[in-house]
PDB file of N, CA and C in Angstrom:
ATOM      1  N   MET A   1     117.462  84.337 123.943  1.00  0.00           N
ATOM      2  CA  MET A   1     118.036  85.585 123.481  1.00  0.00           C
ATOM      3  C   MET A   1     118.399  85.447 122.013  1.00  0.00           C
ATOM      4  N   THR A   2     118.204  86.499 121.258  1.00  0.00           N
ATOM      5  CA  THR A   2     118.486  86.470 119.830  1.00  0.00           C
ATOM      6  C   THR A   2     119.414  87.624 119.480  1.00  0.00           C
ATOM      7  N   ALA A   3     120.378  87.345 118.638  1.00  0.00           N
ATOM      8  CA  ALA A   3     121.257  88.406 118.158  1.00  0.00           C
ATOM      9  C   ALA A   3     120.454  89.310 117.223  1.00  0.00           C
ATOM     10  N   HIS A   4     120.715  90.589 117.247  1.00  0.00           N
ATOM     11  CA  HIS A   4     120.001  91.539 116.405  1.00  0.00           C
ATOM     12  C   HIS A   4     120.445  91.406 114.953  1.00  0.00           C
ATOM     13  N   ASN A   5     119.710  92.044 114.059  1.00  0.00           N
ATOM     14  CA  ASN A   5     120.024  91.987 112.636  1.00  0.00           C
ATOM     15  C   ASN A   5     121.121  92.964 112.241  1.00  0.00           C
ATOM     16  N   PHE A   6     121.679  93.696 113.164  1.00  0.00           N
ATOM     17  CA  PHE A   6     122.625  94.742 112.836  1.00  0.00           C
ATOM     18  C   PHE A   6     124.048  94.407 113.250  1.00  0.00           C
ATOM     19  N   LEU A   7     124.424  93.157 113.109  1.00  0.00           N
ATOM     20  CA  LEU A   7     125.789  92.761 113.434  1.00  0.00           C
ATOM     21  C   LEU A   7     126.725  93.262 112.346  1.00  0.00           C
ATOM     22  N   LEU A   8     127.846  93.826 112.753  1.00  0.00           N
ATOM     23  CA  LEU A   8     128.844  94.322 111.819  1.00  0.00           C
ATOM     24  C   LEU A   8     130.075  93.437 111.882  1.00  0.00           C
ATOM     25  N   PHE A   9     130.625  93.121 110.726  1.00  0.00           N
ATOM     26  CA  PHE A   9     131.816  92.286 110.677  1.00  0.00           C
ATOM     27  C   PHE A   9     132.935  92.921 111.490  1.00  0.00           C
ATOM     28  N   ASP A  10     133.635  92.100 112.277  1.00  0.00           N
ATOM     29  CA  ASP A  10     134.763  92.568 113.085  1.00  0.00           C
ATOM     30  C   ASP A  10     136.063  91.964 112.554  1.00  0.00           C
ATOM     31  N   TYR A  11     136.228  90.642 112.658  1.00  0.00           N
ATOM     32  CA  TYR A  11     137.421  89.994 112.118  1.00  0.00           C
ATOM     33  C   TYR A  11     137.220  88.485 112.047  1.00  0.00           C
ATOM     34  N   GLU A  12     138.155  87.816 111.371  1.00  0.00           N
ATOM     35  CA  GLU A  12     138.123  86.367 111.234  1.00  0.00           C
ATOM     36  C   GLU A  12     139.341  85.772 111.914  1.00  0.00           C
ATOM     37  N   ASP A  13     139.161  84.606 112.494  1.00  0.00           N
ATOM     38  CA  ASP A  13     140.247  83.889 113.160  1.00  0.00           C
ATOM     39  C   ASP A  13     140.265  82.463 112.613  1.00  0.00           C
ATOM     40  N   ASN A  14     141.040  82.245 111.551  1.00  0.00           N
ATOM     41  CA  ASN A  14     141.123  80.921 110.931  1.00  0.00           C
ATOM     42  C   ASN A  14     141.613  79.867 111.906  1.00  0.00           C
ATOM     43  N   GLY A  15     142.567  80.207 112.753  1.00  0.00           N
ATOM     44  CA  GLY A  15     143.151  79.248 113.679  1.00  0.00           C
ATOM     45  C   GLY A  15     142.142  78.652 114.644  1.00  0.00           C
ATOM     46  N   ASN A  16     141.176  79.451 115.070  1.00  0.00           N
ATOM     47  CA  ASN A  16     140.146  78.976 115.996  1.00  0.00           C
ATOM     48  C   ASN A  16     138.797  78.764 115.312  1.00  0.00           C
ATOM     49  N   CYS A  17     138.796  78.833 113.974  1.00  0.00           N
ATOM     50  CA  CYS A  17     137.581  78.601 113.175  1.00  0.00           C
ATOM     51  C   CYS A  17     136.430  79.492 113.608  1.00  0.00           C
ATOM     52  N   CYS A  18     136.708  80.785 113.780  1.00  0.00           N
ATOM     53  CA  CYS A  18     135.691  81.746 114.231  1.00  0.00           C
ATOM     54  C   CYS A  18     135.638  82.951 113.300  1.00  0.00           C
ATOM     55  N   VAL A  19     134.436  83.499 113.142  1.00  0.00           N
ATOM     56  CA  VAL A  19     134.232  84.772 112.463  1.00  0.00           C
ATOM     57  C   VAL A  19     133.505  85.662 113.461  1.00  0.00           C
ATOM     58  N   TYR A  20     134.093  86.817 113.762  1.00  0.00           N
ATOM     59  CA  TYR A  20     133.583  87.708 114.809  1.00  0.00           C
ATOM     60  C   TYR A  20     132.810  88.887 114.231  1.00  0.00           C
ATOM     61  N   TYR A  21     131.752  89.256 114.946  1.00  0.00           N
ATOM     62  CA  TYR A  21     130.911  90.400 114.607  1.00  0.00           C
ATOM     63  C   TYR A  21     130.680  91.202 115.872  1.00  0.00           C
ATOM     64  N   ARG A  22     130.275  92.454 115.698  1.00  0.00           N
ATOM     65  CA  ARG A  22     129.973  93.275 116.863  1.00  0.00           C
ATOM     66  C   ARG A  22     128.660  94.010 116.653  1.00  0.00           C
ATOM     67  N   GLU A  23     128.062  94.351 117.759  1.00  0.00           N
ATOM     68  CA  GLU A  23     126.836  95.141 117.768  1.00  0.00           C
ATOM     69  C   GLU A  23     126.919  96.037 118.997  1.00  0.00           C
ATOM     70  N   SER A  24     126.989  97.326 118.792  1.00  0.00           N
ATOM     71  CA  SER A  24     127.255  98.307 119.848  1.00  0.00           C
ATOM     72  C   SER A  24     128.414  97.817 120.711  1.00  0.00           C
ATOM     73  N   CYS A  25     128.218  97.505 121.975  1.00  0.00           N
ATOM     74  CA  CYS A  25     129.350  97.093 122.813  1.00  0.00           C
ATOM     75  C   CYS A  25     129.384  95.582 123.055  1.00  0.00           C
ATOM     76  N   ARG A  26     128.688  94.810 122.263  1.00  0.00           N
ATOM     77  CA  ARG A  26     128.688  93.355 122.418  1.00  0.00           C
ATOM     78  C   ARG A  26     129.336  92.713 121.195  1.00  0.00           C
ATOM     79  N   ARG A  27     130.100  91.658 121.433  1.00  0.00           N
ATOM     80  CA  ARG A  27     130.744  90.920 120.341  1.00  0.00           C
ATOM     81  C   ARG A  27     130.116  89.539 120.237  1.00  0.00           C
ATOM     82  N   TYR A  28     129.958  89.072 119.009  1.00  0.00           N
ATOM     83  CA  TYR A  28     129.435  87.745 118.700  1.00  0.00           C
ATOM     84  C   TYR A  28     130.452  87.017 117.839  1.00  0.00           C
ATOM     85  N   CYS A  29     130.361  85.693 117.815  1.00  0.00           N
ATOM     86  CA  CYS A  29     131.179  84.949 116.866  1.00  0.00           C
ATOM     87  C   CYS A  29     130.446  83.710 116.395  1.00  0.00           C
ATOM     88  N   PHE A  30     130.679  83.393 115.128  1.00  0.00           N
ATOM     89  CA  PHE A  30     130.258  82.115 114.567  1.00  0.00           C
ATOM     90  C   PHE A  30     131.466  81.209 114.709  1.00  0.00           C
ATOM     91  N   GLN A  31     131.286  80.085 115.392  1.00  0.00           N
ATOM     92  CA  GLN A  31     132.390  79.142 115.569  1.00  0.00           C
ATOM     93  C   GLN A  31     132.015  77.830 114.883  1.00  0.00           C
ATOM     94  N   LYS A  32     132.976  77.294 114.140  1.00  0.00           N
ATOM     95  CA  LYS A  32     132.775  76.030 113.430  1.00  0.00           C
ATOM     96  C   LYS A  32     132.468  74.931 114.428  1.00  0.00           C
ATOM     97  N   SER A  33     131.445  74.121 114.091  1.00  0.00           N
ATOM     98  CA  SER A  33     131.051  73.010 114.947  1.00  0.00           C
ATOM     99  C   SER A  33     130.584  71.875 114.041  1.00  0.00           C
ATOM    100  N   GLY A  34     131.389  70.854 113.903  1.00  0.00           N
ATOM    101  CA  GLY A  34     131.045  69.754 113.004  1.00  0.00           C
ATOM    102  C   GLY A  34     130.952  70.257 111.580  1.00  0.00           C
ATOM    103  N   SER A  35     129.806  70.035 110.943  1.00  0.00           N
ATOM    104  CA  SER A  35     129.630  70.479 109.561  1.00  0.00           C
ATOM    105  C   SER A  35     128.931  71.836 109.477  1.00  0.00           C
ATOM    106  N   GLY A  36     128.715  72.491 110.620  1.00  0.00           N
ATOM    107  CA  GLY A  36     128.041  73.780 110.633  1.00  0.00           C
ATOM    108  C   GLY A  36     128.735  74.789 111.519  1.00  0.00           C
ATOM    109  N   PHE A  37     127.985  75.784 111.953  1.00  0.00           N
ATOM    110  CA  PHE A  37     128.491  76.851 112.813  1.00  0.00           C
ATOM    111  C   PHE A  37     127.483  77.117 113.921  1.00  0.00           C
ATOM    112  N   ILE A  38     127.975  77.584 115.051  1.00  0.00           N
ATOM    113  CA  ILE A  38     127.133  78.004 116.170  1.00  0.00           C
ATOM    114  C   ILE A  38     127.445  79.476 116.434  1.00  0.00           C
ATOM    115  N   LEU A  39     126.399  80.271 116.661  1.00  0.00           N
ATOM    116  CA  LEU A  39     126.575  81.683 116.981  1.00  0.00           C
ATOM    117  C   LEU A  39     126.640  81.846 118.498  1.00  0.00           C
ATOM    118  N   TYR A  40     127.697  82.502 118.966  1.00  0.00           N
ATOM    119  CA  TYR A  40     127.907  82.738 120.394  1.00  0.00           C
ATOM    120  C   TYR A  40     127.975  84.225 120.695  1.00  0.00           C
ATOM    121  N   VAL A  41     127.548  84.594 121.889  1.00  0.00           N
ATOM    122  CA  VAL A  41     127.881  85.888 122.463  1.00  0.00           C
ATOM    123  C   VAL A  41     129.249  85.693 123.094  1.00  0.00           C
ATOM    124  N   CYS A  42     130.126  86.660 122.926  1.00  0.00           N
ATOM    125  CA  CYS A  42     131.484  86.527 123.465  1.00  0.00           C
ATOM    126  C   CYS A  42     131.594  87.163 124.847  1.00  0.00           C
ATOM    127  N   SER A  43     132.504  86.621 125.627  1.00  0.00           N
ATOM    128  CA  SER A  43     132.804  87.181 126.944  1.00  0.00           C
ATOM    129  C   SER A  43     133.559  88.497 126.774  1.00  0.00           C
ATOM    130  N   ARG A  44     133.808  89.174 127.866  1.00  0.00           N
ATOM    131  CA  ARG A  44     134.585  90.420 127.809  1.00  0.00           C
ATOM    132  C   ARG A  44     135.994  90.187 127.287  1.00  0.00           C
ATOM    133  N   ASP A  45     136.472  88.948 127.428  1.00  0.00           N
ATOM    134  CA  ASP A  45     137.803  88.589 126.924  1.00  0.00           C
ATOM    135  C   ASP A  45     137.784  88.259 125.438  1.00  0.00           C
ATOM    136  N   GLY A  46     136.593  88.264 124.818  1.00  0.00           N
ATOM    137  CA  GLY A  46     136.483  87.968 123.400  1.00  0.00           C
ATOM    138  C   GLY A  46     136.329  86.495 123.075  1.00  0.00           C
ATOM    139  N   GLU A  47     136.152  85.666 124.091  1.00  0.00           N
ATOM    140  CA  GLU A  47     135.994  84.227 123.882  1.00  0.00           C
ATOM    141  C   GLU A  47     134.513  83.878 123.759  1.00  0.00           C
ATOM    142  N   PRO A  48     134.175  82.857 122.921  1.00  0.00           N
ATOM    143  CA  PRO A  48     132.781  82.418 122.853  1.00  0.00           C
ATOM    144  C   PRO A  48     132.282  82.041 124.250  1.00  0.00           C
ATOM    145  N   ASP A  49     131.122  82.597 124.633  1.00  0.00           N
ATOM    146  CA  ASP A  49     130.621  82.412 125.987  1.00  0.00           C
ATOM    147  C   ASP A  49     129.366  81.550 126.016  1.00  0.00           C
ATOM    148  N   TYR A  50     128.307  81.972 125.338  1.00  0.00           N
ATOM    149  CA  TYR A  50     127.086  81.162 125.313  1.00  0.00           C
ATOM    150  C   TYR A  50     126.396  81.315 123.961  1.00  0.00           C
ATOM    151  N   GLU A  51     125.688  80.264 123.588  1.00  0.00           N
ATOM    152  CA  GLU A  51     125.039  80.175 122.286  1.00  0.00           C
ATOM    153  C   GLU A  51     123.776  81.032 122.235  1.00  0.00           C
ATOM    154  N   VAL A  52     123.535  81.649 121.070  1.00  0.00           N
ATOM    155  CA  VAL A  52     122.302  82.400 120.819  1.00  0.00           C
ATOM    156  C   VAL A  52     121.740  81.966 119.468  1.00  0.00           C
ATOM    157  N   ALA A  53     120.456  82.280 119.239  1.00  0.00           N
ATOM    158  CA  ALA A  53     119.802  81.943 117.979  1.00  0.00           C
ATOM    159  C   ALA A  53     120.358  82.804 116.843  1.00  0.00           C
ATOM    160  N   LEU A  54     120.328  82.246 115.637  1.00  0.00           N
ATOM    161  CA  LEU A  54     120.762  83.000 114.466  1.00  0.00           C
ATOM    162  C   LEU A  54     119.813  84.156 114.197  1.00  0.00           C
ATOM    163  N   PRO A  55     120.347  85.322 113.809  1.00  0.00           N
ATOM    164  CA  PRO A  55     119.469  86.432 113.441  1.00  0.00           C
ATOM    165  C   PRO A  55     118.749  86.110 112.128  1.00  0.00           C
ATOM    166  N   HIS A  56     117.649  86.784 111.867  1.00  0.00           N
ATOM    167  CA  HIS A  56     116.857  86.505 110.667  1.00  0.00           C
ATOM    168  C   HIS A  56     117.580  86.862 109.377  1.00  0.00           C
ATOM    169  N   LYS A  57     118.357  87.907 109.375  1.00  0.00           N
ATOM    170  CA  LYS A  57     119.036  88.341 108.152  1.00  0.00           C
ATOM    171  C   LYS A  57     120.521  88.005 108.208  1.00  0.00           C
ATOM    172  N   TYR A  58     120.825  86.762 108.475  1.00  0.00           N
ATOM    173  CA  TYR A  58     122.213  86.385 108.665  1.00  0.00           C
ATOM    174  C   TYR A  58     123.007  86.315 107.374  1.00  0.00           C
ATOM    175  N   ALA A  59     122.380  86.158 106.218  1.00  0.00           N
ATOM    176  CA  ALA A  59     123.120  85.999 104.967  1.00  0.00           C
ATOM    177  C   ALA A  59     123.965  87.230 104.658  1.00  0.00           C
ATOM    178  N   GLU A  60     123.579  88.390 105.166  1.00  0.00           N
ATOM    179  CA  GLU A  60     124.316  89.618 104.896  1.00  0.00           C
ATOM    180  C   GLU A  60     125.502  89.816 105.842  1.00  0.00           C
ATOM    181  N   LEU A  61     125.688  88.912 106.778  1.00  0.00           N
ATOM    182  CA  LEU A  61     126.718  89.092 107.793  1.00  0.00           C
ATOM    183  C   LEU A  61     128.099  88.642 107.351  1.00  0.00           C
ATOM    184  N   CYS A  62     128.156  87.866 106.304  1.00  0.00           N
ATOM    185  CA  CYS A  62     129.378  87.122 105.996  1.00  0.00           C
ATOM    186  C   CYS A  62     130.486  87.964 105.391  1.00  0.00           C
ATOM    187  N   SER A  63     131.663  87.623 105.757  1.00  0.00           N
ATOM    188  CA  SER A  63     132.866  88.098 105.106  1.00  0.00           C
ATOM    189  C   SER A  63     133.449  86.879 104.402  1.00  0.00           C
ATOM    190  N   THR A  64     134.109  87.083 103.296  1.00  0.00           N
ATOM    191  CA  THR A  64     134.692  85.946 102.584  1.00  0.00           C
ATOM    192  C   THR A  64     136.178  86.159 102.345  1.00  0.00           C
ATOM    193  N   ARG A  65     136.824  86.863 103.245  1.00  0.00           N
ATOM    194  CA  ARG A  65     138.236  87.169 103.065  1.00  0.00           C
ATOM    195  C   ARG A  65     139.152  85.985 103.355  1.00  0.00           C
ATOM    196  N   THR A  66     138.716  85.061 104.166  1.00  0.00           N
ATOM    197  CA  THR A  66     139.566  83.926 104.513  1.00  0.00           C
ATOM    198  C   THR A  66     138.781  82.632 104.325  1.00  0.00           C
ATOM    199  N   TYR A  67     139.465  81.527 104.477  1.00  0.00           N
ATOM    200  CA  TYR A  67     138.836  80.221 104.319  1.00  0.00           C
ATOM    201  C   TYR A  67     137.643  80.053 105.251  1.00  0.00           C
ATOM    202  N   ILE A  68     137.801  80.412 106.508  1.00  0.00           N
ATOM    203  CA  ILE A  68     136.709  80.217 107.467  1.00  0.00           C
ATOM    204  C   ILE A  68     135.527  81.124 107.116  1.00  0.00           C
ATOM    205  N   GLY A  69     135.796  82.322 106.614  1.00  0.00           N
ATOM    206  CA  GLY A  69     134.722  83.216 106.180  1.00  0.00           C
ATOM    207  C   GLY A  69     133.967  82.649 104.991  1.00  0.00           C
ATOM    208  N   GLN A  70     134.678  82.052 104.058  1.00  0.00           N
ATOM    209  CA  GLN A  70     134.041  81.433 102.891  1.00  0.00           C
ATOM    210  C   GLN A  70     133.197  80.241 103.311  1.00  0.00           C
ATOM    211  N   GLU A  71     133.710  79.464 104.255  1.00  0.00           N
ATOM    212  CA  GLU A  71     132.965  78.307 104.745  1.00  0.00           C
ATOM    213  C   GLU A  71     131.685  78.741 105.462  1.00  0.00           C
ATOM    214  N   LEU A  72     131.770  79.795 106.278  1.00  0.00           N
ATOM    215  CA  LEU A  72     130.589  80.324 106.959  1.00  0.00           C
ATOM    216  C   LEU A  72     129.579  80.836 105.934  1.00  0.00           C
ATOM    217  N   HIS A  73     130.045  81.557 104.939  1.00  0.00           N
ATOM    218  CA  HIS A  73     129.166  82.088 103.895  1.00  0.00           C
ATOM    219  C   HIS A  73     128.397  80.952 103.208  1.00  0.00           C
ATOM    220  N   SER A  74     129.083  79.891 102.843  1.00  0.00           N
ATOM    221  CA  SER A  74     128.441  78.739 102.195  1.00  0.00           C
ATOM    222  C   SER A  74     127.414  78.096 103.120  1.00  0.00           C
ATOM    223  N   TYR A  75     127.773  77.934 104.387  1.00  0.00           N
ATOM    224  CA  TYR A  75     126.873  77.330 105.371  1.00  0.00           C
ATOM    225  C   TYR A  75     125.583  78.149 105.508  1.00  0.00           C
ATOM    226  N   LEU A  76     125.709  79.454 105.632  1.00  0.00           N
ATOM    227  CA  LEU A  76     124.530  80.312 105.815  1.00  0.00           C
ATOM    228  C   LEU A  76     123.672  80.364 104.561  1.00  0.00           C
ATOM    229  N   ARG A  77     124.293  80.293 103.387  1.00  0.00           N
ATOM    230  CA  ARG A  77     123.520  80.273 102.145  1.00  0.00           C
ATOM    231  C   ARG A  77     122.671  79.012 102.070  1.00  0.00           C
ATOM    232  N   GLU A  78     123.195  77.897 102.554  1.00  0.00           N
ATOM    233  CA  GLU A  78     122.443  76.641 102.554  1.00  0.00           C
ATOM    234  C   GLU A  78     121.226  76.728 103.479  1.00  0.00           C
ATOM    235  N   LEU A  79     121.328  77.501 104.547  1.00  0.00           N
ATOM    236  CA  LEU A  79     120.222  77.635 105.498  1.00  0.00           C
ATOM    237  C   LEU A  79     119.087  78.501 104.960  1.00  0.00           C
ATOM    238  N   SER A  80     119.417  79.414 104.056  1.00  0.00           N
ATOM    239  CA  SER A  80     118.380  80.354 103.588  1.00  0.00           C
ATOM    240  C   SER A  80     117.554  79.786 102.455  1.00  0.00           C
TER     241      SER A  80
END
């Protein structure tokens, strides 16, 4: 399963090292893992549930309002 290219920024959670996005009625999050991030589909409770592949246009997804958002932005720029 692959996340679509139309993820919209939702919010950042510095405490849990997550940046959340939404697409229609589904929520996704990038969660810090070692020196990178993993993209998850979230459960109905908003918790990371299972891993999915990165969307093709992920560089446009980033928010840089907090430390974790800046770290995610840097990580995704390195991948492109």
